[in-house]
Protein backbone atom coordinates (compact mmCIF):
# COMPACT_ATOMS: atom_id res chain seq x y z
CA MET A 1 188.69 37.52 11.45
CA LYS A 2 189.99 41.07 11.93
CA THR A 3 191.69 41.66 15.27
CA ALA A 4 192.56 44.97 16.88
CA VAL A 5 194.33 46.31 19.93
CA LEU A 6 192.67 49.35 21.44
CA VAL A 7 195.13 51.34 23.57
CA VAL A 8 193.20 53.29 26.20
CA SER A 9 194.75 56.15 28.18
CA PHE A 10 193.46 58.88 30.44
CA GLY A 11 195.05 61.27 27.96
CA ALA A 12 197.21 64.39 28.09
CA VAL A 13 196.56 67.91 26.86
CA SER A 14 200.22 68.60 26.12
CA SER A 15 201.18 67.43 22.63
CA GLU A 16 204.78 67.03 23.81
CA ALA A 17 203.72 64.80 26.71
CA ARG A 18 201.65 62.66 24.36
CA LYS A 19 204.49 62.37 21.87
CA ASN A 20 207.03 61.45 24.54
CA SER A 21 204.91 58.84 26.27
CA LEU A 22 201.51 57.73 24.96
CA ASP A 23 202.52 57.82 21.30
CA LYS A 24 205.60 55.75 22.09
CA ILE A 25 203.50 53.15 23.89
CA GLU A 26 201.17 52.90 20.90
CA ASN A 27 204.09 52.72 18.45
CA ASP A 28 205.78 49.94 20.45
CA ILE A 29 202.53 47.97 20.47
CA ALA A 30 202.13 48.46 16.72
CA LYS A 31 205.68 47.19 16.11
CA ALA A 32 205.20 44.20 18.40
CA PHE A 33 201.89 43.17 16.77
CA PRO A 34 202.13 44.05 13.05
CA ASP A 35 199.18 41.83 12.15
CA TYR A 36 196.81 43.74 14.45
CA TYR A 37 194.94 46.96 13.78
CA ILE A 38 195.83 49.57 16.40
CA TYR A 39 193.25 52.02 17.74
CA ARG A 40 193.42 54.75 20.38
CA ALA A 41 190.95 56.11 22.93
CA TYR A 42 191.16 58.50 25.88
CA THR A 43 188.91 58.33 28.93
CA SER A 44 189.06 62.00 29.96
CA GLY A 45 186.40 64.07 28.25
CA ILE A 46 188.10 67.26 29.44
CA VAL A 47 191.40 66.23 27.85
CA ILE A 48 189.67 65.27 24.60
CA ARG A 49 187.89 68.63 24.45
CA ARG A 50 191.01 70.67 25.21
CA ILE A 51 193.06 68.83 22.57
CA TYR A 52 190.38 69.64 20.01
CA GLU A 53 190.22 73.29 21.10
CA ASN A 54 193.99 73.69 21.08
CA GLU A 55 194.99 71.57 18.08
CA ASN A 56 191.80 70.78 16.16
CA ILE A 57 192.56 67.08 16.68
CA HIS A 58 189.79 64.70 17.71
CA ILE A 59 190.64 61.77 19.99
CA ASP A 60 188.01 59.05 20.27
CA THR A 61 186.26 58.21 23.50
CA LEU A 62 186.12 54.51 24.31
CA LYS A 63 182.57 54.25 22.95
CA GLU A 64 183.54 56.10 19.76
CA ALA A 65 186.49 53.76 19.25
CA PHE A 66 184.24 50.72 19.61
CA GLU A 67 181.81 52.15 17.03
CA LYS A 68 184.68 52.92 14.65
CA MET A 69 186.02 49.36 14.98
CA ARG A 70 182.56 47.88 14.43
CA THR A 71 182.14 50.01 11.29
CA ASN A 72 185.58 48.90 10.06
CA GLY A 73 184.67 45.24 10.43
CA ILE A 74 186.85 44.43 13.46
CA THR A 75 185.70 41.15 14.96
CA ASP A 76 188.04 40.61 17.93
CA VAL A 77 189.32 43.31 20.29
CA ILE A 78 191.97 43.44 23.00
CA VAL A 79 191.71 46.59 25.11
CA GLN A 80 195.00 47.57 26.74
CA PRO A 81 194.83 50.40 29.29
CA THR A 82 197.94 52.41 30.12
CA HIS A 83 196.64 53.17 33.62
CA MET A 84 198.88 52.68 36.65
CA ILE A 85 196.35 50.96 38.92
CA ASP A 86 192.99 49.23 38.49
CA GLY A 87 191.19 52.09 40.20
CA ILE A 88 188.19 54.25 39.31
CA GLU A 89 189.26 55.06 35.73
CA TYR A 90 190.23 51.45 35.00
CA LYS A 91 186.94 50.14 36.35
CA LYS A 92 185.12 52.65 34.13
CA ILE A 93 186.90 51.13 31.14
CA CYS A 94 185.82 47.65 32.22
CA ARG A 95 182.17 48.74 32.56
CA ILE A 96 182.10 50.25 29.07
CA CYS A 97 183.81 47.15 27.65
CA ASP A 98 181.20 44.96 29.29
CA GLU A 99 178.46 47.03 27.61
CA HIS A 100 180.06 46.32 24.21
CA LYS A 101 181.03 42.66 24.63
CA ASP A 102 178.21 41.46 22.35
CA VAL A 103 179.31 43.75 19.52
CA PHE A 104 182.43 41.65 18.81
CA SER A 105 183.24 37.95 18.64
CA SER A 106 185.63 38.48 21.55
CA LEU A 107 186.60 41.44 23.73
CA LYS A 108 189.36 41.17 26.32
CA VAL A 109 190.71 43.79 28.72
CA GLY A 110 194.39 43.88 29.71
CA LYS A 111 195.50 44.68 33.22
CA ALA A 112 196.77 47.93 34.67
CA LEU A 113 200.49 48.22 35.32
CA LEU A 114 200.08 47.54 39.05
CA GLU A 115 197.37 44.93 39.47
CA LYS A 116 198.89 43.10 42.43
CA TYR A 117 201.86 43.30 44.80
CA GLU A 118 203.99 41.13 42.54
CA ASP A 119 203.62 43.82 39.86
CA CYS A 120 204.99 46.35 42.36
CA ILE A 121 208.07 44.20 42.94
CA LYS A 122 208.62 43.87 39.19
CA THR A 123 208.11 47.59 38.62
CA VAL A 124 210.68 48.50 41.28
CA ASP A 125 213.17 46.21 39.57
CA ILE A 126 212.41 47.73 36.15
CA ILE A 127 212.38 51.36 37.22
CA SER A 128 215.68 50.98 39.09
CA LYS A 129 217.24 49.92 35.79
CA GLU A 130 215.88 53.01 34.02
CA ILE A 131 216.52 55.57 36.78
CA ASP A 132 219.97 55.78 38.30
CA PHE A 133 218.96 56.22 41.94
CA ASN A 134 221.98 57.94 43.53
CA SER A 135 222.40 56.70 47.10
CA SER A 136 223.51 60.21 48.12
CA TYR A 137 220.11 61.71 47.20
CA GLU A 138 216.52 61.22 48.31
CA TYR A 139 213.80 60.59 45.73
CA ILE A 140 210.10 61.39 45.86
CA LEU A 141 208.05 59.91 43.02
CA MET A 142 204.68 61.58 42.50
CA GLY A 143 201.73 59.26 41.88
CA HIS A 144 198.15 60.32 41.20
CA GLY A 145 196.35 58.53 44.00
CA SER A 146 192.76 57.33 44.14
CA GLU A 147 189.81 56.91 46.50
CA ASP A 148 189.56 53.35 45.20
CA THR A 149 190.93 50.44 47.22
CA ALA A 150 193.47 49.93 44.43
CA ASN A 151 195.32 52.94 45.89
CA ILE A 152 197.04 50.40 48.16
CA ARG A 153 199.43 49.71 45.28
CA TYR A 154 201.27 52.96 46.08
CA GLU A 155 201.85 51.83 49.66
CA GLN A 156 202.96 48.46 48.31
CA MET A 157 205.38 50.18 45.96
CA ASN A 158 206.99 51.86 48.96
CA VAL A 159 207.28 48.49 50.68
CA ALA A 160 208.83 47.02 47.54
CA PHE A 161 211.38 49.86 47.32
CA VAL A 162 212.47 49.26 50.91
CA ASN A 163 212.62 45.48 50.44
CA GLN A 164 214.91 45.94 47.45
CA GLY A 165 217.23 48.22 49.41
CA LEU A 166 216.06 51.51 47.88
CA THR A 167 215.28 53.19 51.20
CA ASN A 168 215.95 56.60 49.65
CA VAL A 169 213.01 56.29 47.22
CA ARG A 170 209.42 56.95 48.19
CA ILE A 171 206.13 57.46 46.38
CA ALA A 172 203.77 60.25 47.42
CA THR A 173 200.41 60.82 45.76
CA VAL A 174 198.55 64.00 44.79
CA GLU A 175 195.04 62.94 45.77
CA ALA A 176 195.41 60.24 48.43
CA LYS A 177 197.82 58.60 50.85
CA PRO A 178 200.78 58.30 51.05
CA ASP A 179 201.11 62.06 50.48
CA ILE A 180 203.85 64.65 50.22
CA ASP A 181 203.55 65.66 53.88
CA GLU A 182 204.35 62.09 54.94
CA ALA A 183 207.30 62.02 52.55
CA ILE A 184 208.69 65.28 53.96
CA GLU A 185 208.20 64.04 57.52
CA ARG A 186 210.20 60.96 56.59
CA LEU A 187 213.00 63.19 55.27
CA GLY A 188 213.13 64.85 58.68
CA ASN A 189 213.98 61.53 60.27
CA LYS A 190 217.08 61.19 58.11
CA GLU A 191 220.50 62.77 58.56
CA ASN A 192 222.51 64.75 56.02
CA VAL A 193 219.93 64.92 53.24
CA LYS A 194 221.86 66.59 50.41
CA LYS A 195 219.30 66.82 47.64
CA VAL A 196 215.76 65.67 46.93
CA ILE A 197 214.89 64.59 43.38
CA ILE A 198 211.18 64.76 42.55
CA GLN A 199 209.76 63.07 39.46
CA PRO A 200 206.47 61.59 38.24
CA PHE A 201 205.28 58.09 38.97
CA MET A 202 202.71 58.52 36.21
CA MET A 203 202.65 57.21 32.66
CA VAL A 204 202.57 60.78 31.30
CA ALA A 205 204.36 63.89 32.57
CA GLY A 206 201.40 66.18 31.91
CA ASP A 207 199.63 68.90 33.89
CA HIS A 208 200.04 67.12 37.23
CA ALA A 209 203.80 66.91 36.73
CA LYS A 210 204.15 70.52 35.62
CA ASN A 211 201.82 72.04 38.22
CA ASP A 212 201.25 69.76 41.23
CA MET A 213 204.80 68.46 41.17
CA ALA A 214 207.04 71.20 39.76
CA GLY A 215 204.95 74.35 40.20
CA GLU A 216 206.29 77.31 42.15
CA LYS A 217 203.36 77.39 44.60
CA ASN A 218 201.60 74.66 46.60
CA SER A 219 203.45 71.90 44.79
CA PHE A 220 205.64 68.97 45.79
CA TYR A 221 208.64 71.08 44.79
CA SER A 222 207.64 74.16 46.78
CA LYS A 223 206.78 72.12 49.88
CA VAL A 224 210.11 70.31 49.82
CA LYS A 225 211.92 73.63 49.34
CA ASP A 226 209.92 75.25 52.15
CA ALA A 227 210.95 72.38 54.43
CA GLY A 228 214.56 73.46 53.89
CA TYR A 229 215.78 70.96 51.32
CA ASP A 230 217.57 71.42 48.01
CA ALA A 231 215.07 70.12 45.47
CA LYS A 232 215.20 69.31 41.77
CA CYS A 233 212.37 68.16 39.49
CA VAL A 234 212.70 65.72 36.62
CA ILE A 235 209.69 65.99 34.31
CA MET A 236 209.64 62.61 32.59
CA GLY A 237 206.70 60.22 32.49
CA LEU A 238 207.08 56.47 32.97
CA GLY A 239 205.93 55.91 29.40
CA GLU A 240 209.17 57.51 28.23
CA TYR A 241 211.15 54.57 29.62
CA LYS A 242 211.54 51.68 27.19
CA LEU A 243 211.50 48.99 29.88
CA ILE A 244 208.22 50.29 31.30
CA ARG A 245 206.68 50.22 27.84
CA ASN A 246 207.99 46.68 27.47
CA MET A 247 205.91 45.67 30.51
CA ILE A 248 202.75 46.77 28.69
CA VAL A 249 203.78 44.93 25.52
CA GLU A 250 204.59 41.78 27.51
CA ASN A 251 201.16 41.86 29.12
CA LEU A 252 199.59 41.97 25.68
CA GLU A 253 201.77 39.10 24.51
CA GLY A 254 200.53 37.03 27.43
CA MET A 255 196.91 37.72 26.52
CA ILE A 256 197.41 36.95 22.84
CA ASN A 257 199.49 33.82 23.31
């Protein structure tokens, strides 16, 4: 029997973002499971193409990774996504895995970081240990957002922050609700807001973080500034935090054991 862990991410064009986040996740998994072969795949065809154009580096698609593992004699596969929610991209992974389930003796798929409300509670506890939330400041964490019903996890994260006493922390998403306009409206209901810290609630601080969050025009940063607040951006993906990466490793441990 030859067993492998396939780490699946949306991907990131920036080599620095990959090094700081996705590579660290993969390295932590490799250290935690030294007897397993470790493979990588990205789900974004655009990201894969741009990495090749910019760096002449080829990243496998999920289907290519499965074919490579089959050729290498891998018999049992655990697929571990790095996705935040079990939304559209996660479900795409599950569909492709289902198409390949007969290729291997066993093929399991790990969960997204936020699969249920209990994961939101745990994530709030973990992230508050990694980020020193100053009670004098307000925090807006930028999530991606999705048309999928799994988008409710972002609302549940906001509930979990409040329930754990972090009323100065709120998630706003780029492509769904809750959004930045709601977050700014909420700031208007508070008194004496000194500073607003904006940072990603994404595994990787890639293009979304640099443009949609921290860009000079039509970004979270510019909208907060235009509303009259002192704003600062922290460009650091969740995958850069050791305790967040530990959550992914612990999920794998649960599947293996």
